[in-house]
Amino acid sequence: MIRVSKDELMAMKPRDPEDRAKLFSRRKYMTVELALKAGVSISDILWVARRLGLKAQCVQFALACAVHVEHLDPSGFAKACNIATRNFIANPSPENESARASASEWASASAWASASEWASASEWASERARASEVKWQKHQLIKIFGGK
């Protein structure tokens, strides 16, 4: 669980330290859930997590996000990449790293190939999906890094 005091956060030298300090109000510490309620961005929470050395949880969050949207890739390469990444995390052998890297390259190429299809989505659907995705991501942050 991430639980950071104002002094600990200031020692990390965040951008806009005065604004960040104000978020604490009278609180002695801040958790992910409290930070999200105070308006802290997902990227700022991940920045703190990286500064705290929580690489495994950051990777877990990134992979959860990738799995959550893998259905949007009709080629199946994104799903293959996610499976290979999961396998590498479970067993970081050279064979699994090679499979992960290869799947990642194919998924990247597939994403570029279908970019024009994605660009034609309506703005309304895009905004609605974005709001839904942010809500889901916030839930995942609390689930992975802890709340209250």
Protein backbone atom coordinates (compact mmCIF):
# COMPACT_ATOMS: atom_id res chain seq x y z
CA MET A 1 0.00 0.00 0.00
CA ILE A 2 1.26 3.46 -0.86
CA ARG A 3 1.04 5.73 2.15
CA VAL A 4 3.06 8.92 1.81
CA SER A 5 3.45 11.83 4.22
CA LYS A 6 3.78 15.41 3.01
CA ASP A 7 7.47 15.43 4.05
CA GLU A 8 8.12 12.19 2.16
CA LEU A 9 6.49 13.61 -0.96
CA MET A 10 8.45 16.86 -0.73
CA ALA A 11 11.70 14.86 -0.42
CA MET A 12 10.85 13.32 -3.82
CA LYS A 13 11.00 16.84 -5.30
CA PRO A 14 7.69 16.85 -7.22
CA ARG A 15 6.88 19.53 -9.76
CA ASP A 16 4.75 22.31 -8.26
CA PRO A 17 5.62 21.40 -4.65
CA GLU A 18 3.39 24.10 -3.16
CA ASP A 19 0.34 22.78 -5.02
CA ARG A 20 1.19 19.20 -4.03
CA ALA A 21 1.56 20.18 -0.35
CA LYS A 22 -1.89 21.84 -0.39
CA LEU A 23 -3.48 18.54 -1.42
CA PHE A 24 -2.66 17.13 2.02
CA SER A 25 -4.72 19.79 3.80
CA ARG A 26 -4.68 18.57 7.43
CA ARG A 27 -3.88 14.96 6.56
CA LYS A 28 -0.69 13.43 7.93
CA TYR A 29 -0.43 11.05 4.99
CA MET A 30 -2.05 10.29 1.67
CA THR A 31 -3.03 6.92 0.17
CA VAL A 32 -3.83 6.28 -3.50
CA GLU A 33 -7.55 6.46 -2.80
CA LEU A 34 -7.26 9.75 -0.89
CA ALA A 35 -4.96 11.18 -3.57
CA LEU A 36 -7.44 10.34 -6.34
CA LYS A 37 -10.27 11.93 -4.36
CA ALA A 38 -8.10 15.03 -3.91
CA GLY A 39 -7.67 15.28 -7.68
CA VAL A 40 -4.18 13.82 -8.10
CA SER A 41 -3.67 12.44 -11.61
CA ILE A 42 -3.00 8.80 -12.40
CA SER A 43 0.39 9.73 -13.88
CA ASP A 44 1.36 11.56 -10.67
CA ILE A 45 0.43 8.52 -8.58
CA LEU A 46 2.53 6.30 -10.84
CA TRP A 47 5.39 8.83 -10.55
CA VAL A 48 5.28 8.46 -6.75
CA ALA A 49 5.09 4.67 -7.05
CA ARG A 50 8.19 4.64 -9.24
CA ARG A 51 10.02 6.91 -6.81
CA LEU A 52 9.12 4.47 -4.02
CA GLY A 53 10.61 1.62 -6.05
CA LEU A 54 7.28 -0.13 -6.66
CA LYS A 55 8.25 -1.30 -10.15
CA ALA A 56 6.38 -4.62 -9.89
CA GLN A 57 3.11 -2.86 -9.03
CA CYS A 58 3.63 -0.32 -11.85
CA VAL A 59 4.14 -3.18 -14.31
CA GLN A 60 1.07 -4.95 -12.87
CA PHE A 61 -1.00 -1.81 -13.44
CA ALA A 62 0.32 -1.32 -16.99
CA LEU A 63 -0.39 -4.94 -17.87
CA ALA A 64 -3.89 -4.77 -16.36
CA CYS A 65 -4.60 -1.72 -18.54
CA ALA A 66 -3.24 -3.47 -21.64
CA VAL A 67 -5.34 -6.59 -20.99
CA HIS A 68 -8.40 -4.42 -20.38
CA VAL A 69 -8.24 -3.00 -23.94
CA GLU A 70 -6.70 -5.93 -25.84
CA HIS A 71 -10.12 -6.72 -27.34
CA LEU A 72 -9.82 -3.52 -29.40
CA ASP A 73 -7.05 -5.10 -31.50
CA PRO A 74 -8.74 -7.28 -34.12
CA SER A 75 -5.44 -8.87 -35.15
CA GLY A 76 -4.91 -10.61 -31.80
CA PHE A 77 -1.32 -9.39 -31.55
CA ALA A 78 -2.04 -7.30 -28.46
CA LYS A 79 -3.44 -10.34 -26.65
CA ALA A 80 -0.40 -12.41 -27.68
CA CYS A 81 1.87 -9.65 -26.40
CA ASN A 82 0.02 -9.53 -23.08
CA ILE A 83 0.24 -13.31 -22.68
CA ALA A 84 3.97 -13.26 -23.48
CA THR A 85 4.49 -10.40 -21.01
CA ARG A 86 2.57 -12.27 -18.30
CA ASN A 87 4.68 -15.36 -18.96
CA PHE A 88 7.88 -13.32 -18.73
CA ILE A 89 6.80 -11.75 -15.44
CA ALA A 90 6.01 -15.20 -14.01
CA ASN A 91 9.28 -16.69 -15.33
CA PRO A 92 11.87 -14.14 -16.58
CA SER A 93 13.84 -16.68 -18.62
CA PRO A 94 15.70 -15.73 -21.82
CA GLU A 95 13.14 -17.74 -23.84
CA ASN A 96 10.22 -15.83 -22.35
CA GLU A 97 12.01 -12.49 -22.86
CA SER A 98 12.53 -13.32 -26.52
CA ALA A 99 8.85 -14.24 -26.95
CA ARG A 100 7.77 -11.07 -25.11
CA ALA A 101 9.97 -8.83 -27.27
CA SER A 102 8.78 -10.48 -30.49
CA ALA A 103 5.10 -10.22 -29.52
CA SER A 104 5.62 -6.59 -28.54
CA GLU A 105 7.10 -5.76 -31.95
CA TRP A 106 4.17 -7.44 -33.77
CA ALA A 107 1.61 -5.69 -31.56
CA SER A 108 3.27 -2.33 -32.23
CA ALA A 109 3.25 -2.93 -36.00
CA SER A 110 -0.40 -3.99 -35.86
CA ALA A 111 -1.34 -0.85 -33.91
CA TRP A 112 0.26 1.36 -36.58
CA ALA A 113 -1.48 -0.55 -39.37
CA SER A 114 -4.93 -0.06 -37.86
CA ALA A 115 -4.40 3.53 -36.67
CA SER A 116 -6.49 5.00 -39.49
CA GLU A 117 -9.46 2.80 -38.52
CA TRP A 118 -9.24 3.98 -34.93
CA ALA A 119 -8.96 7.62 -35.97
CA SER A 120 -12.41 7.51 -37.56
CA ALA A 121 -14.21 6.91 -34.21
CA SER A 122 -16.64 9.65 -33.24
CA GLU A 123 -15.63 12.26 -30.65
CA TRP A 124 -18.65 11.46 -28.48
CA ALA A 125 -17.79 7.76 -28.29
CA SER A 126 -14.17 8.61 -27.68
CA GLU A 127 -14.98 10.93 -24.76
CA ARG A 128 -17.38 8.43 -23.24
CA ALA A 129 -14.84 5.62 -23.54
CA ARG A 130 -12.09 7.82 -22.08
CA ALA A 131 -14.18 8.68 -19.01
CA SER A 132 -15.04 5.03 -18.51
CA GLU A 133 -11.40 4.02 -18.90
CA VAL A 134 -10.18 6.60 -16.37
CA LYS A 135 -12.74 5.35 -13.86
CA TRP A 136 -11.56 1.77 -14.42
CA GLN A 137 -7.90 2.80 -14.12
CA LYS A 138 -8.54 4.58 -10.82
CA HIS A 139 -10.21 1.44 -9.48
CA GLN A 140 -7.18 -0.61 -10.57
CA LEU A 141 -4.76 1.81 -8.87
CA ILE A 142 -6.64 1.45 -5.58
CA LYS A 143 -6.81 -2.33 -6.00
CA ILE A 144 -3.07 -2.68 -6.76
CA PHE A 145 -1.55 0.04 -4.54
CA GLY A 146 -4.13 0.07 -1.73
CA GLY A 147 -6.61 2.59 -0.46
CA LYS A 148 -8.06 4.25 2.63
